[in-house]
Protein backbone atom coordinates (compact mmCIF):
# COMPACT_ATOMS: atom_id res chain seq x y z
CA MET A 1 -15.99 -72.79 59.99
CA LYS A 2 -18.11 -75.85 59.12
CA LEU A 3 -17.86 -74.31 55.59
CA LEU A 4 -13.97 -74.66 55.51
CA PHE A 5 -14.06 -77.85 56.91
CA ASP A 6 -16.53 -79.04 54.14
CA LEU A 7 -14.24 -77.37 51.48
CA PHE A 8 -11.10 -79.04 53.26
CA VAL A 9 -12.62 -82.56 53.32
CA SER A 10 -14.36 -81.84 49.59
CA PHE A 11 -11.03 -81.32 47.94
CA PHE A 12 -8.97 -83.20 50.17
CA GLN A 13 -11.25 -86.41 48.30
CA ILE A 14 -10.63 -84.86 44.96
CA GLY A 15 -7.48 -84.78 45.39
CA LEU A 16 -6.64 -88.30 47.15
CA LEU A 17 -9.15 -90.13 44.41
CA SER A 18 -8.05 -88.06 40.90
CA PHE A 19 -6.05 -90.50 39.84
CA GLY A 20 -5.18 -89.52 35.94
CA GLY A 21 -4.37 -85.72 36.77
CA GLY A 22 -6.69 -82.68 36.36
CA TYR A 23 -9.26 -83.01 33.74
CA ALA A 24 -9.69 -86.98 35.34
CA ALA A 25 -10.62 -84.54 38.62
CA MET A 26 -13.50 -82.69 36.83
CA PRO A 27 -16.11 -85.39 37.13
CA LEU A 28 -15.23 -85.71 41.09
CA ILE A 29 -15.07 -82.02 41.49
CA ARG A 30 -18.38 -81.48 39.79
CA GLU A 31 -20.38 -84.17 42.32
CA GLN A 32 -18.88 -82.48 45.27
CA VAL A 33 -19.41 -78.72 44.48
CA VAL A 34 -22.73 -79.00 42.06
CA ASP A 35 -24.25 -82.22 43.46
CA LEU A 36 -23.44 -82.71 46.59
CA HIS A 37 -22.68 -79.52 48.55
CA GLY A 38 -24.39 -77.00 46.27
CA TRP A 39 -21.74 -74.56 46.16
CA LEU A 40 -21.96 -73.28 42.66
CA SER A 41 -24.64 -73.76 39.58
CA MET A 42 -23.55 -76.07 36.75
CA SER A 43 -23.45 -72.90 34.86
CA GLY A 44 -21.01 -71.61 37.37
CA PHE A 45 -18.97 -74.22 37.56
CA GLY A 46 -18.66 -74.26 33.71
CA ASP A 47 -17.17 -70.49 34.07
CA ILE A 48 -14.61 -71.85 36.51
CA ILE A 49 -13.31 -74.97 34.47
CA THR A 50 -12.87 -72.66 31.65
CA ILE A 51 -10.88 -69.71 33.93
CA ALA A 52 -9.24 -72.71 35.50
CA GLU A 53 -8.18 -74.33 32.16
CA MET A 54 -6.94 -70.63 31.29
CA THR A 55 -4.87 -69.69 34.08
CA PRO A 56 -0.87 -71.55 34.80
CA GLY A 57 -0.85 -74.80 37.00
CA PRO A 58 -2.71 -77.91 37.61
CA VAL A 59 -6.97 -77.72 36.58
CA ALA A 60 -7.40 -79.32 39.66
CA ILE A 61 -5.89 -76.75 41.66
CA ASN A 62 -6.98 -74.01 40.20
CA CYS A 63 -10.80 -75.48 39.98
CA ALA A 64 -10.12 -75.55 44.42
CA THR A 65 -8.74 -72.25 44.19
CA PHE A 66 -11.25 -70.58 42.43
CA VAL A 67 -14.30 -72.23 44.25
CA GLY A 68 -13.13 -71.93 47.84
CA ILE A 69 -12.98 -68.12 46.71
CA GLN A 70 -16.63 -68.08 45.19
CA VAL A 71 -17.58 -70.04 48.18
CA ALA A 72 -16.14 -68.31 51.09
CA GLY A 73 -13.53 -65.79 50.27
CA ILE A 74 -9.57 -65.62 50.51
CA PRO A 75 -9.82 -68.15 53.48
CA GLY A 76 -11.77 -70.95 51.40
CA ALA A 77 -9.07 -70.52 48.64
CA LEU A 78 -6.71 -71.18 51.06
CA ILE A 79 -8.76 -74.13 52.57
CA ALA A 80 -9.47 -75.67 49.35
CA THR A 81 -6.15 -75.62 47.86
CA LEU A 82 -4.71 -76.85 51.21
CA GLY A 83 -7.14 -80.07 51.29
CA CYS A 84 -6.27 -80.59 46.96
CA ILE A 85 -2.90 -80.54 47.31
CA THR A 86 -2.41 -82.44 51.15
CA PRO A 87 -3.17 -86.38 49.66
CA ALA A 88 -0.43 -85.78 47.11
CA CYS A 89 2.18 -84.38 49.65
CA ILE A 90 1.51 -86.81 52.00
CA ILE A 91 1.92 -89.52 49.32
CA VAL A 92 4.64 -88.13 47.88
CA THR A 93 6.64 -87.58 51.05
CA THR A 94 5.85 -91.30 52.37
CA LEU A 95 7.17 -92.76 48.95
CA ALA A 96 10.56 -90.42 49.35
CA TYR A 97 11.01 -92.21 52.83
CA VAL A 98 10.14 -95.71 51.59
CA TYR A 99 12.53 -94.87 48.57
CA TYR A 100 15.38 -93.54 50.41
CA LYS A 101 14.85 -96.12 53.10
CA TYR A 102 15.11 -99.21 50.64
CA LYS A 103 16.67 -98.30 47.37
CA GLY A 104 19.67 -100.11 48.22
CA LEU A 105 17.84 -103.37 48.37
CA GLU A 106 17.51 -105.30 44.90
CA THR A 107 14.18 -105.63 44.60
CA VAL A 108 13.35 -102.02 44.27
CA LYS A 109 16.24 -102.08 42.12
CA ALA A 110 14.56 -104.32 40.28
CA VAL A 111 10.87 -102.56 40.54
CA LEU A 112 12.25 -99.09 38.95
CA ALA A 113 14.47 -100.70 36.24
CA ALA A 114 11.39 -102.93 35.29
CA LEU A 115 9.14 -99.05 35.33
CA ARG A 116 11.94 -97.09 33.59
CA PRO A 117 11.11 -98.41 30.21
CA ALA A 118 6.49 -98.40 30.94
CA ILE A 119 7.43 -94.31 31.63
CA ILE A 120 9.38 -93.83 28.74
CA ALA A 121 6.93 -95.69 26.79
CA MET A 122 4.30 -93.54 28.09
CA ILE A 123 5.84 -90.06 27.40
CA ALA A 124 6.71 -91.14 24.44
CA SER A 125 2.84 -91.72 23.36
CA ALA A 126 2.06 -88.76 24.35
CA GLY A 127 5.02 -86.55 22.72
CA LEU A 128 4.24 -88.76 19.63
CA SER A 129 0.27 -87.67 20.37
CA LEU A 130 1.03 -84.14 20.49
CA PHE A 131 3.13 -84.32 17.52
CA GLU A 132 0.43 -86.32 15.16
CA LEU A 133 -2.42 -83.51 16.89
CA ALA A 134 0.44 -80.84 15.53
CA LEU A 135 1.04 -82.23 12.17
CA ALA A 136 -3.02 -83.13 11.42
CA PRO A 137 -5.07 -80.74 13.66
CA GLU A 138 -8.57 -82.65 11.97
CA GLY A 139 -7.62 -85.69 13.74
CA SER A 140 -5.79 -89.02 13.29
CA PHE A 141 -4.27 -89.13 9.59
CA VAL A 142 -2.26 -91.44 7.54
CA TRP A 143 1.19 -90.18 6.34
CA THR A 144 -0.17 -90.17 2.83
CA GLU A 145 -3.28 -88.70 2.27
CA ALA A 146 -4.13 -86.48 5.64
CA PRO A 147 -4.31 -82.88 5.25
CA PHE A 148 -0.26 -81.84 6.76
CA ASN A 149 0.92 -79.30 8.67
CA VAL A 150 4.14 -78.32 6.87
CA VAL A 151 4.54 -75.34 9.13
CA ALA A 152 4.34 -77.21 12.03
CA LEU A 153 6.29 -80.18 10.42
CA ALA A 154 9.11 -77.40 9.71
CA VAL A 155 8.91 -75.57 12.97
CA PHE A 156 9.54 -79.15 15.16
CA ILE A 157 12.67 -79.71 12.46
CA LEU A 158 14.35 -76.53 13.07
CA ALA A 159 13.49 -76.58 16.94
CA PHE A 160 14.86 -79.91 17.40
CA ILE A 161 18.12 -79.27 15.12
CA VAL A 162 18.41 -76.18 17.80
CA CYS A 163 17.96 -77.97 20.57
CA ARG A 164 20.09 -81.47 20.00
CA ARG A 165 23.28 -79.22 17.42
CA PHE A 166 22.96 -76.03 19.71
CA LYS A 167 22.13 -77.53 23.34
CA ALA A 168 19.83 -74.17 23.31
CA ASN A 169 17.28 -73.85 26.57
CA PRO A 170 14.51 -75.82 25.77
CA ILE A 171 12.49 -72.89 27.19
CA TRP A 172 14.01 -70.51 24.53
CA VAL A 173 13.15 -73.12 22.44
CA ILE A 174 9.71 -73.40 23.14
CA ALA A 175 9.18 -69.32 23.24
CA GLY A 176 11.16 -69.13 19.59
CA SER A 177 9.16 -71.83 17.93
CA GLY A 178 5.93 -70.31 19.36
CA LEU A 179 7.08 -66.69 17.36
CA VAL A 180 7.99 -68.17 14.84
CA THR A 181 4.89 -70.29 14.07
CA PHE A 182 3.04 -67.23 15.15
CA CYS A 183 4.45 -65.01 12.52
CA LEU A 184 4.57 -68.17 9.98
CA PHE A 185 0.50 -68.48 10.42
CA LEU A 186 0.20 -64.75 9.76
CA ILE A 187 2.08 -64.85 6.63
CA PHE A 188 0.44 -67.80 5.46
């Protein structure tokens, strides 16, 4: 019982303190799982991270599930996962309550209006980084002198046109783009 409690508390702390996503949580997870409690060796932790990255879903939650199952079986997986998601559920529920209660206030409207450009900029920055990575997998480049992935650019332009002009479902466009790119890389 103490082991399940420790799993819950450890992953609750990870869920509460891991701002920046799953990759930002990895040092916290390692500290709890390897250094503090000794539930896994560093090699075992590396295996868990690899599996967590390969499976769908957030990395931190996948890690919680896999560590829990290694340490205490199915109950451990459930408890560790619950510990990891509980802080986010509490925070989101609280924010939703506050938003719905005060959404009519001018101050709240002003804050949300001020945040909108920053959020759009962050999403655009992530999109541009992925676009740059797709076109020049070697790293950052200057448009005139770097190795340039023409196939990626052609698939991007085609996918953009299909989404904008024909209002195609983005999921099908992503799947089709992956299939087309795979076939083109096999040919070239």
